[in-house]
Amino acid sequence: MSAVVIEKSPVREGAFGNAIALACRECGHQVELGPHYACPECFGPLEIAYRFPQVTREEIEAGPRNIWRYKALLPVPDDIEQSPNTEPGFTRLLRADNLAAELGLTNLWVKDDSTNPTNSFKDRVVACALSAAREFGSKVFACPSTGNLANAVAAAGARAGIKTVVFIPSNLEQPKQVNSAVFTDSLVAVNGNYDDVNKLASEIAGEEDGWAFVNVNVRPYYAEGSKTLGYEIAEQLGWRLPDQIVIPVASGSQLTKVHKAFQELIKLGLVEDKPYRVFGAQAAGCSPVSVAYKAGVDAIRPVKPDTIAKSLAIGNPADGIYVLDICRETGGAVEDVTDEEVRAGIVLLARTEGIFTETAGGTTVAVLKKLAETGQLDPELETVVINTGHGLKTLDAVAGQVAPAATIDPSYAAFAATGLA
C-alpha cells in the first residue's frame, strides 16, 4: 500500500533525529510524528520509520559508552546527551564457558543488562520514551508495569525533574515495589494483573491531557530503545551477528526490536548479512506465544498469568504475533518452562557464571537449557542469551532454594565436622 505522510508535525524539526514518520506495521499507512500509537486506517500498531544517513562503525565507536552512541539510529535529537537522563546501556557481554560446558554448548555469551541504572533493560526503553515526552511537552511521565518498568520510569523522572506516576499490580514482588517507591511518591498499586493495570493506564491516557504513558501513547518511541540491545551485541562481538539468540518474551517487543536492530545493521552495511535464529522464552504459567507456536497457529489466545516470573506475566502480549513470525522465519522457536525450572535457571546461572538474575533471566536460561536438551538449538553455533534484570528484585523466588550449608560454633572442629574442608 502506498503511504502518505501528513505534512505538518507538532514537534520541532530534528526532535526525533532521523525518524521521518510513524508507520503502521499492518497496512503501511504513515502518520506524522506525534503521541500516536494506533493506525487511523486499520488500528494496527505504529512504529518508527527512518531515513538513515550513512553511519560508520568508527562514528559509533567514538560515541559515549551508553545507548546514545547509537543516537543516529534512534528517534532522539542530536543533542540528547545534554538532557538529564540515566544514561543506560553498553552493558557487558560475557563469555559463558562454564554455563556452556554445563549445557553441552560450544560458544555461549550472556548479555547482562542487570547492570543498567535501575538494574534492568527497561532503562533503555524509558530513556527513549523520556526524550519523546519532553518533545511533546508532557507534564506527567507514567506507566503501567510489572515492576522493572516502574523502577526505570520513576528513576528517570526523578533525574529529569518530571512528575512520575507509576501503576503496578498490587501483588508485585516487594523489592520491585520498594525500588519504585524510593524514587516517587506516586506509586499506585492496582488490584488485578498486568493486563488490568494496562487497561486502566489506557483509560487514564484517554482522559488526562499531558500524560506520557511510556508503553501506551508514546509506545512507538519507547519500544525503539530495545534495539540498542541488538546494536550492542553486534558491536561487542566485533561487528557481527550471533548465530542464535534467546530472548525472554513478555509483550514481545524486546524480541521484535532486537531483530529489527540486526536487520538495520545489515542494511547499513555495519555487519555482514548472515542467517541467524531467534528463540523466545516464556514461563509456562503465562505462555500464550509458546502455546500458539507449538500449535502452529497465528492467533494468540490471551491467558490469565500464574507464574513467579511476574516481569513476563503479560497474558495478552501486544507483539506476540510478530514474535511468532520472526521465530518461524529465522528457524527459531518459542519455548516455555515451569516455575521450578525458572528457579533452577536462576541458580544455574549464578553458580556457573556468577550472575544473579531475576525470574525473567531464570526463564531464559531454563529455556536455553531445554532448547539444548531437545535439539532445537544447535550446540555448535555461537549463541547469545539475554539477562534482562538483577536477582535482587526477585529474592523470594529462590529464598527457599538456597540457604547456609551449615550453622556452626566458631571453632575449627565445628567447621571440620561439616565436611567442607
Protein backbone atom coordinates (compact mmCIF):
# COMPACT_ATOMS: atom_id res chain seq x y z
CA MET A 1 0.00 0.00 0.00
CA SER A 2 1.29 3.47 -0.81
CA ALA A 3 1.66 5.64 2.26
CA VAL A 4 1.10 9.35 2.61
CA VAL A 5 2.81 11.23 5.40
CA ILE A 6 0.86 14.10 6.94
CA GLU A 7 2.90 17.20 6.21
CA LYS A 8 2.65 19.14 9.45
CA SER A 9 4.22 17.90 12.65
CA PRO A 10 3.55 19.20 16.18
CA VAL A 11 7.21 18.89 17.17
CA ARG A 12 10.32 20.91 16.40
CA GLU A 13 12.47 19.97 13.45
CA GLY A 14 15.12 17.41 14.38
CA ALA A 15 13.36 16.49 17.62
CA PHE A 16 13.37 12.85 16.59
CA GLY A 17 16.66 12.69 14.76
CA ASN A 18 16.43 10.67 11.55
CA ALA A 19 12.88 9.45 12.21
CA ILE A 20 10.51 10.65 9.49
CA ALA A 21 7.10 9.20 10.39
CA LEU A 22 5.09 6.62 12.27
CA ALA A 23 4.30 3.63 10.05
CA CYS A 24 1.61 1.00 10.60
CA ARG A 25 3.05 -2.49 10.94
CA GLU A 26 -0.07 -3.96 9.34
CA CYS A 27 -1.09 -1.76 6.40
CA GLY A 28 1.94 0.51 5.96
CA HIS A 29 -0.01 3.75 6.33
CA GLN A 30 2.14 6.57 7.70
CA VAL A 31 1.22 9.43 10.01
CA GLU A 32 3.11 12.38 11.43
CA LEU A 33 5.47 12.02 14.34
CA GLY A 34 3.44 12.67 17.45
CA PRO A 35 1.94 10.96 20.52
CA HIS A 36 0.13 8.34 18.41
CA TYR A 37 0.25 4.56 18.73
CA ALA A 38 -2.64 3.18 16.64
CA CYS A 39 -3.08 3.44 12.88
CA PRO A 40 -6.06 5.68 11.95
CA GLU A 41 -6.76 3.44 8.94
CA CYS A 42 -6.73 -0.08 10.38
CA PHE A 43 -5.96 0.41 14.11
CA GLY A 44 -2.76 -1.59 13.74
CA PRO A 45 0.31 -0.74 15.86
CA LEU A 46 2.56 2.11 14.77
CA GLU A 47 6.35 2.03 14.76
CA ILE A 48 9.09 4.49 13.84
CA ALA A 49 10.16 4.83 10.21
CA TYR A 50 13.55 6.38 9.43
CA ARG A 51 15.64 7.87 6.69
CA PHE A 52 19.08 6.89 7.93
CA PRO A 53 22.25 8.70 6.84
CA GLN A 54 25.38 6.68 6.14
CA VAL A 55 26.67 5.65 9.56
CA THR A 56 30.11 4.15 10.12
CA ARG A 57 31.44 1.85 12.80
CA GLU A 58 34.05 4.48 13.67
CA GLU A 59 31.39 7.14 14.30
CA ILE A 60 29.51 4.82 16.61
CA GLU A 61 32.64 3.71 18.48
CA ALA A 62 33.58 7.36 19.08
CA GLY A 63 30.29 7.96 20.89
CA PRO A 64 29.54 7.77 24.63
CA ARG A 65 29.57 4.37 26.36
CA ASN A 66 25.79 4.26 26.63
CA ILE A 67 22.86 3.93 24.23
CA TRP A 68 23.40 7.42 22.81
CA ARG A 69 26.35 6.11 20.77
CA TYR A 70 23.52 4.83 18.52
CA LYS A 71 21.51 8.08 18.54
CA ALA A 72 21.60 8.30 14.73
CA LEU A 73 19.52 5.10 14.69
CA LEU A 74 17.03 6.18 17.37
CA PRO A 75 14.10 8.66 17.48
CA VAL A 76 16.02 11.20 19.58
CA PRO A 77 17.62 14.61 18.87
CA ASP A 78 21.33 15.05 18.14
CA ASP A 79 21.79 16.85 21.47
CA ILE A 80 20.19 14.06 23.53
CA GLU A 81 23.25 13.80 25.80
CA GLN A 82 22.60 17.32 27.06
CA SER A 83 19.22 16.38 28.57
CA PRO A 84 19.37 14.85 32.07
CA ASN A 85 18.78 11.10 31.78
CA THR A 86 20.04 7.92 33.40
CA GLU A 87 22.46 7.17 30.52
CA PRO A 88 21.74 3.45 30.28
CA GLY A 89 23.32 0.85 28.06
CA PHE A 90 26.59 -0.57 26.82
CA THR A 91 26.31 -3.29 29.43
CA ARG A 92 28.71 -6.22 29.48
CA LEU A 93 28.66 -9.16 27.10
CA LEU A 94 30.23 -12.06 28.99
CA ARG A 95 31.65 -15.24 27.55
CA ALA A 96 29.87 -18.02 29.47
CA ASP A 97 32.18 -21.02 29.15
CA ASN A 98 31.11 -22.61 32.43
CA LEU A 99 27.40 -22.47 31.58
CA ALA A 100 28.18 -23.63 28.05
CA ALA A 101 30.02 -26.70 29.37
CA GLU A 102 27.12 -27.47 31.71
CA LEU A 103 24.66 -27.38 28.80
CA GLY A 104 26.87 -29.04 26.19
CA LEU A 105 27.28 -25.88 24.11
CA THR A 106 30.43 -24.76 22.34
CA ASN A 107 30.22 -20.97 22.18
CA LEU A 108 27.91 -19.08 24.55
CA TRP A 109 27.60 -15.43 25.63
CA VAL A 110 25.41 -13.72 28.24
CA LYS A 111 24.29 -10.16 27.53
CA ASP A 112 23.96 -8.94 31.11
CA ASP A 113 21.57 -5.98 31.29
CA SER A 114 21.28 -6.20 35.08
CA THR A 115 23.99 -3.55 35.37
CA ASN A 116 21.81 -0.75 33.98
CA PRO A 117 20.99 2.18 36.34
CA THR A 118 17.90 0.52 37.86
CA ASN A 119 19.22 -2.98 37.18
CA SER A 120 17.13 -3.95 34.16
CA PHE A 121 16.95 -3.40 30.41
CA LYS A 122 13.91 -1.14 30.93
CA ASP A 123 16.25 1.82 31.45
CA ARG A 124 16.96 1.67 27.70
CA VAL A 125 13.36 1.98 26.54
CA VAL A 126 12.49 4.55 29.18
CA ALA A 127 15.34 6.83 28.09
CA CYS A 128 13.86 6.96 24.57
CA ALA A 129 10.34 7.45 25.91
CA LEU A 130 11.52 10.29 28.15
CA SER A 131 13.04 12.08 25.17
CA ALA A 132 9.69 11.87 23.35
CA ALA A 133 7.75 13.01 26.40
CA ARG A 134 9.95 16.10 26.62
CA GLU A 135 9.33 16.96 22.97
CA PHE A 136 5.57 16.60 23.42
CA GLY A 137 5.62 18.90 26.45
CA SER A 138 4.20 16.20 28.73
CA LYS A 139 3.61 17.21 32.33
CA VAL A 140 3.43 13.66 33.74
CA PHE A 141 5.66 10.69 32.93
CA ALA A 142 3.77 7.46 33.66
CA CYS A 143 3.48 3.73 33.02
CA PRO A 144 1.65 0.51 33.82
CA SER A 145 4.28 -2.04 34.83
CA THR A 146 5.13 -5.50 36.10
CA GLY A 147 7.95 -3.91 38.11
CA ASN A 148 11.12 -3.20 36.19
CA LEU A 149 9.50 -0.54 34.02
CA ALA A 150 8.07 1.17 37.09
CA ASN A 151 11.56 1.30 38.61
CA ALA A 152 13.03 2.77 35.43
CA VAL A 153 10.28 5.36 34.88
CA ALA A 154 10.36 6.54 38.48
CA ALA A 155 14.16 6.93 38.44
CA ALA A 156 14.26 8.61 35.03
CA GLY A 157 11.53 11.05 36.04
CA ALA A 158 13.41 11.94 39.21
CA ARG A 159 16.61 12.52 37.25
CA ALA A 160 14.77 14.69 34.69
CA GLY A 161 12.71 16.62 37.23
CA ILE A 162 9.40 15.43 35.75
CA LYS A 163 6.45 14.23 37.84
CA THR A 164 6.03 10.47 37.61
CA VAL A 165 3.04 8.26 38.35
CA VAL A 166 3.53 4.51 38.04
CA PHE A 167 0.92 1.77 38.24
CA ILE A 168 1.69 -1.82 39.29
CA PRO A 169 -0.25 -4.98 40.23
CA SER A 170 -0.75 -4.99 43.99
CA ASN A 171 0.78 -8.48 44.31
CA LEU A 172 4.10 -7.44 42.75
CA GLU A 173 7.32 -8.58 44.42
CA GLN A 174 8.12 -6.34 47.41
CA PRO A 175 11.65 -5.43 46.27
CA LYS A 176 10.28 -4.07 43.00
CA GLN A 177 7.66 -2.04 44.84
CA VAL A 178 10.33 -0.53 47.08
CA ASN A 179 12.59 0.14 44.09
CA SER A 180 9.85 2.30 42.60
CA ALA A 181 8.55 3.96 45.75
CA VAL A 182 12.04 5.18 46.68
CA PHE A 183 12.08 7.34 43.51
CA THR A 184 8.47 8.59 43.53
CA ASP A 185 5.67 9.28 45.99
CA SER A 186 3.12 8.44 43.27
CA LEU A 187 3.29 4.65 43.12
CA VAL A 188 -0.21 3.22 42.63
CA ALA A 189 -0.88 -0.46 43.37
CA VAL A 190 -3.87 -1.86 41.50
CA ASN A 191 -5.83 -4.96 42.50
CA GLY A 192 -5.50 -7.13 39.40
CA ASN A 193 -2.93 -8.48 36.98
CA TYR A 194 -0.81 -6.55 34.49
CA ASP A 195 -3.49 -6.60 31.81
CA ASP A 196 -5.90 -4.94 34.26
CA VAL A 197 -3.27 -2.31 35.09
CA ASN A 198 -2.57 -1.70 31.41
CA LYS A 199 -6.29 -1.24 30.67
CA LEU A 200 -6.54 1.34 33.46
CA ALA A 201 -3.50 3.19 32.08
CA SER A 202 -5.10 3.32 28.63
CA GLU A 203 -8.25 4.80 30.14
CA ILE A 204 -6.28 7.46 32.02
CA ALA A 205 -4.27 8.29 28.90
CA GLY A 206 -7.55 8.96 27.10
CA GLU A 207 -8.92 11.18 29.85
CA GLU A 208 -5.88 13.15 31.05
CA ASP A 209 -4.11 15.71 28.86
CA GLY A 210 -0.33 15.96 29.06
CA TRP A 211 0.30 12.46 30.38
CA ALA A 212 3.02 10.45 28.61
CA PHE A 213 2.41 6.76 29.29
CA VAL A 214 5.64 5.24 28.06
CA ASN A 215 4.11 1.97 26.85
CA VAL A 216 0.76 3.40 25.73
CA ASN A 217 0.65 6.74 23.92
CA VAL A 218 4.42 7.07 23.40
CA ARG A 219 4.96 3.34 22.87
CA PRO A 220 6.48 3.62 19.36
CA TYR A 221 9.36 5.75 20.72
CA TYR A 222 9.72 3.70 23.90
CA ALA A 223 9.95 0.39 22.03
CA GLU A 224 12.86 1.58 19.89
CA GLY A 225 15.12 1.60 22.95
CA SER A 226 15.23 -2.21 22.84
CA LYS A 227 17.06 -2.03 19.51
CA THR A 228 20.16 -0.91 21.39
CA LEU A 229 20.48 -4.42 22.85
CA GLY A 230 20.88 -5.74 19.31
CA TYR A 231 23.31 -2.98 18.32
CA GLU A 232 25.50 -3.60 21.37
CA ILE A 233 25.59 -7.36 20.94
CA ALA A 234 26.76 -6.98 17.34
CA GLU A 235 29.36 -4.34 18.21
CA GLN A 236 30.67 -6.28 21.22
CA LEU A 237 31.02 -9.40 19.07
CA GLY A 238 33.31 -7.44 16.77
CA TRP A 239 30.61 -6.15 14.43
CA ARG A 240 29.00 -9.47 13.61
CA LEU A 241 25.71 -11.13 14.41
CA PRO A 242 25.40 -14.24 16.59
CA ASP A 243 24.15 -17.46 15.03
CA GLN A 244 21.45 -17.92 17.67
CA ILE A 245 19.89 -15.68 20.31
CA VAL A 246 17.47 -16.50 23.15
CA ILE A 247 15.26 -13.62 24.34
CA PRO A 248 12.55 -13.50 27.05
CA VAL A 249 9.02 -12.72 25.87
CA ALA A 250 6.55 -10.61 27.85
CA SER A 251 4.83 -8.21 25.43
CA GLY A 252 7.24 -9.48 22.77
CA SER A 253 8.55 -6.02 21.95
CA GLN A 254 12.13 -6.70 23.00
CA LEU A 255 12.47 -9.70 20.71
CA THR A 256 10.98 -7.90 17.72
CA LYS A 257 13.21 -4.86 18.23
CA VAL A 258 16.42 -6.88 18.59
CA HIS A 259 15.55 -8.50 15.27
CA LYS A 260 14.84 -5.05 13.81
CA ALA A 261 18.24 -3.86 15.04
CA PHE A 262 20.00 -6.76 13.34
CA GLN A 263 18.19 -6.02 10.08
CA GLU A 264 19.09 -2.32 10.27
CA LEU A 265 22.75 -3.13 10.84
CA ILE A 266 22.71 -5.39 7.78
CA LYS A 267 21.04 -2.75 5.60
CA LEU A 268 23.53 -0.10 6.74
CA GLY A 269 26.46 -2.38 5.93
CA LEU A 270 27.69 -2.35 9.53
CA VAL A 271 27.59 -6.15 9.78
CA GLU A 272 27.75 -8.96 7.26
CA ASP A 273 24.40 -10.31 6.15
CA LYS A 274 24.02 -13.85 7.50
CA PRO A 275 21.30 -16.18 8.75
CA TYR A 276 20.57 -16.17 12.48
CA ARG A 277 17.97 -17.93 14.58
CA VAL A 278 15.77 -16.17 17.14
CA PHE A 279 14.26 -18.06 20.09
CA GLY A 280 11.63 -16.75 22.51
CA ALA A 281 11.39 -17.76 26.18
CA GLN A 282 8.23 -17.81 28.29
CA ALA A 283 7.15 -19.16 31.66
CA ALA A 284 4.58 -21.96 31.42
CA GLY A 285 2.21 -20.03 33.70
CA CYS A 286 1.99 -17.27 31.09
CA SER A 287 2.91 -18.73 27.72
CA PRO A 288 0.35 -17.70 25.11
CA VAL A 289 3.01 -17.18 22.44
CA SER A 290 4.68 -20.52 23.10
CA VAL A 291 1.32 -22.28 23.01
CA ALA A 292 0.49 -20.69 19.65
CA TYR A 293 3.92 -21.57 18.27
CA LYS A 294 3.64 -25.21 19.26
CA ALA A 295 0.10 -25.43 17.89
CA GLY A 296 1.25 -23.99 14.58
CA VAL A 297 -1.34 -21.22 14.66
CA ASP A 298 -1.08 -17.46 14.18
CA ALA A 299 -3.76 -16.34 16.62
CA ILE A 300 -2.66 -15.87 20.22
CA ARG A 301 -5.22 -16.69 22.86
CA PRO A 302 -4.95 -14.43 25.95
CA VAL A 303 -4.36 -16.16 29.29
CA LYS A 304 -4.57 -15.28 32.95
CA PRO A 305 -0.97 -15.25 34.25
CA ASP A 306 0.01 -17.63 37.04
CA THR A 307 3.79 -17.68 37.37
CA ILE A 308 6.62 -16.47 39.60
CA ALA A 309 8.08 -14.74 36.54
CA LYS A 310 5.94 -11.65 37.07
CA SER A 311 8.01 -9.44 34.77
CA LEU A 312 6.95 -11.77 31.93
CA ALA A 313 3.34 -12.09 33.12
CA ILE A 314 1.54 -10.38 30.25
CA GLY A 315 -1.38 -12.56 29.29
CA ASN A 316 -2.25 -10.65 26.12
CA PRO A 317 1.11 -9.75 24.55
CA ALA A 318 0.86 -6.85 22.10
CA ASP A 319 3.71 -8.07 19.88
CA GLY A 320 3.04 -11.78 20.23
CA ILE A 321 2.07 -12.36 16.59
CA TYR A 322 5.25 -10.63 15.43
CA VAL A 323 7.31 -12.86 17.74
CA LEU A 324 5.77 -15.88 16.05
CA ASP A 325 6.60 -14.51 12.61
CA ILE A 326 10.24 -13.78 13.47
CA CYS A 327 10.94 -17.05 15.25
CA ARG A 328 9.40 -19.05 12.41
CA GLU A 329 11.07 -17.05 9.65
CA THR A 330 14.53 -17.34 11.21
CA GLY A 331 14.22 -21.03 12.02
CA GLY A 332 14.00 -20.44 15.76
CA ALA A 333 11.26 -21.40 18.21
CA VAL A 334 9.27 -20.25 21.24
CA GLU A 335 9.56 -22.47 24.30
CA ASP A 336 8.30 -22.36 27.89
CA VAL A 337 9.42 -23.74 31.25
CA THR A 338 7.82 -24.38 34.64
CA ASP A 339 8.33 -22.24 37.72
CA GLU A 340 10.59 -24.91 39.18
CA GLU A 341 12.71 -24.78 36.04
CA VAL A 342 12.80 -20.98 36.34
CA ARG A 343 14.17 -21.26 39.87
CA ALA A 344 16.71 -23.81 38.74
CA GLY A 345 17.73 -21.50 35.89
CA ILE A 346 18.43 -18.67 38.33
CA VAL A 347 20.66 -20.89 40.46
CA LEU A 348 22.36 -22.43 37.42
CA LEU A 349 23.43 -19.04 36.01
CA ALA A 350 24.58 -17.86 39.43
CA ARG A 351 26.68 -20.93 40.16
CA THR A 352 28.26 -21.22 36.72
CA GLU A 353 28.85 -17.57 35.77
CA GLY A 354 28.45 -15.52 38.96
CA ILE A 355 25.44 -13.64 37.57
CA PHE A 356 22.38 -13.30 39.80
CA THR A 357 19.36 -12.95 37.54
CA GLU A 358 15.71 -12.31 38.29
CA THR A 359 12.91 -14.67 37.27
CA ALA A 360 12.85 -13.42 33.66
CA GLY A 361 16.52 -14.36 33.29
CA GLY A 362 15.86 -17.65 35.05
CA THR A 363 13.18 -18.32 32.46
CA THR A 364 15.55 -17.54 29.59
CA VAL A 365 18.38 -19.70 30.94
CA ALA A 366 15.97 -22.55 31.62
CA VAL A 367 14.60 -22.28 28.09
CA LEU A 368 18.17 -22.25 26.74
CA LYS A 369 18.78 -25.50 28.64
CA LYS A 370 15.57 -27.01 27.32
CA LEU A 371 16.35 -25.98 23.73
CA ALA A 372 19.78 -27.59 24.01
CA GLU A 373 18.41 -30.80 25.54
CA THR A 374 15.66 -31.16 22.92
CA GLY A 375 17.96 -30.41 19.99
CA GLN A 376 16.03 -27.32 18.90
CA LEU A 377 19.20 -25.25 19.31
CA ASP A 378 22.46 -26.16 17.54
CA PRO A 379 25.13 -26.71 20.24
CA GLU A 380 27.96 -25.90 17.83
CA LEU A 381 26.75 -22.42 16.85
CA GLU A 382 27.57 -19.14 18.58
CA THR A 383 24.70 -18.33 20.92
CA VAL A 384 23.72 -15.28 22.98
CA VAL A 385 21.25 -15.35 25.86
CA ILE A 386 19.88 -12.11 27.31
CA ASN A 387 19.67 -11.47 31.05
CA THR A 388 17.23 -8.61 31.47
CA GLY A 389 17.35 -7.90 35.22
CA HIS A 390 19.02 -8.41 38.60
CA GLY A 391 18.12 -11.16 41.04
CA LEU A 392 17.86 -8.79 43.99
CA LYS A 393 14.49 -7.78 42.54
CA THR A 394 13.00 -11.28 42.95
CA LEU A 395 14.66 -12.71 46.05
CA ASP A 396 11.55 -14.63 47.10
CA ALA A 397 11.82 -16.82 44.01
CA VAL A 398 14.92 -18.59 45.31
CA ALA A 399 14.75 -17.85 49.04
CA GLY A 400 13.56 -21.40 49.67
CA GLN A 401 16.08 -22.91 47.27
CA VAL A 402 19.32 -21.63 48.78
CA ALA A 403 20.50 -21.38 52.39
CA PRO A 404 23.64 -21.71 54.53
CA ALA A 405 25.27 -25.12 54.13
CA ALA A 406 25.70 -25.28 57.91
CA THR A 407 25.34 -23.23 61.08
CA ILE A 408 28.26 -23.88 63.42
CA ASP A 409 30.04 -22.68 66.53
CA PRO A 410 33.16 -20.52 65.95
CA SER A 411 35.73 -23.36 66.14
CA TYR A 412 37.82 -25.30 63.65
CA ALA A 413 36.47 -28.56 64.99
CA ALA A 414 32.92 -27.45 64.24
CA PHE A 415 33.94 -26.41 60.74
CA ALA A 416 35.80 -29.67 60.11
CA ALA A 417 32.69 -31.59 61.08
CA THR A 418 30.77 -30.02 58.18
CA GLY A 419 32.92 -31.85 55.63
CA LEU A 420 33.53 -28.64 53.69
CA ALA A 421 37.27 -28.51 54.36
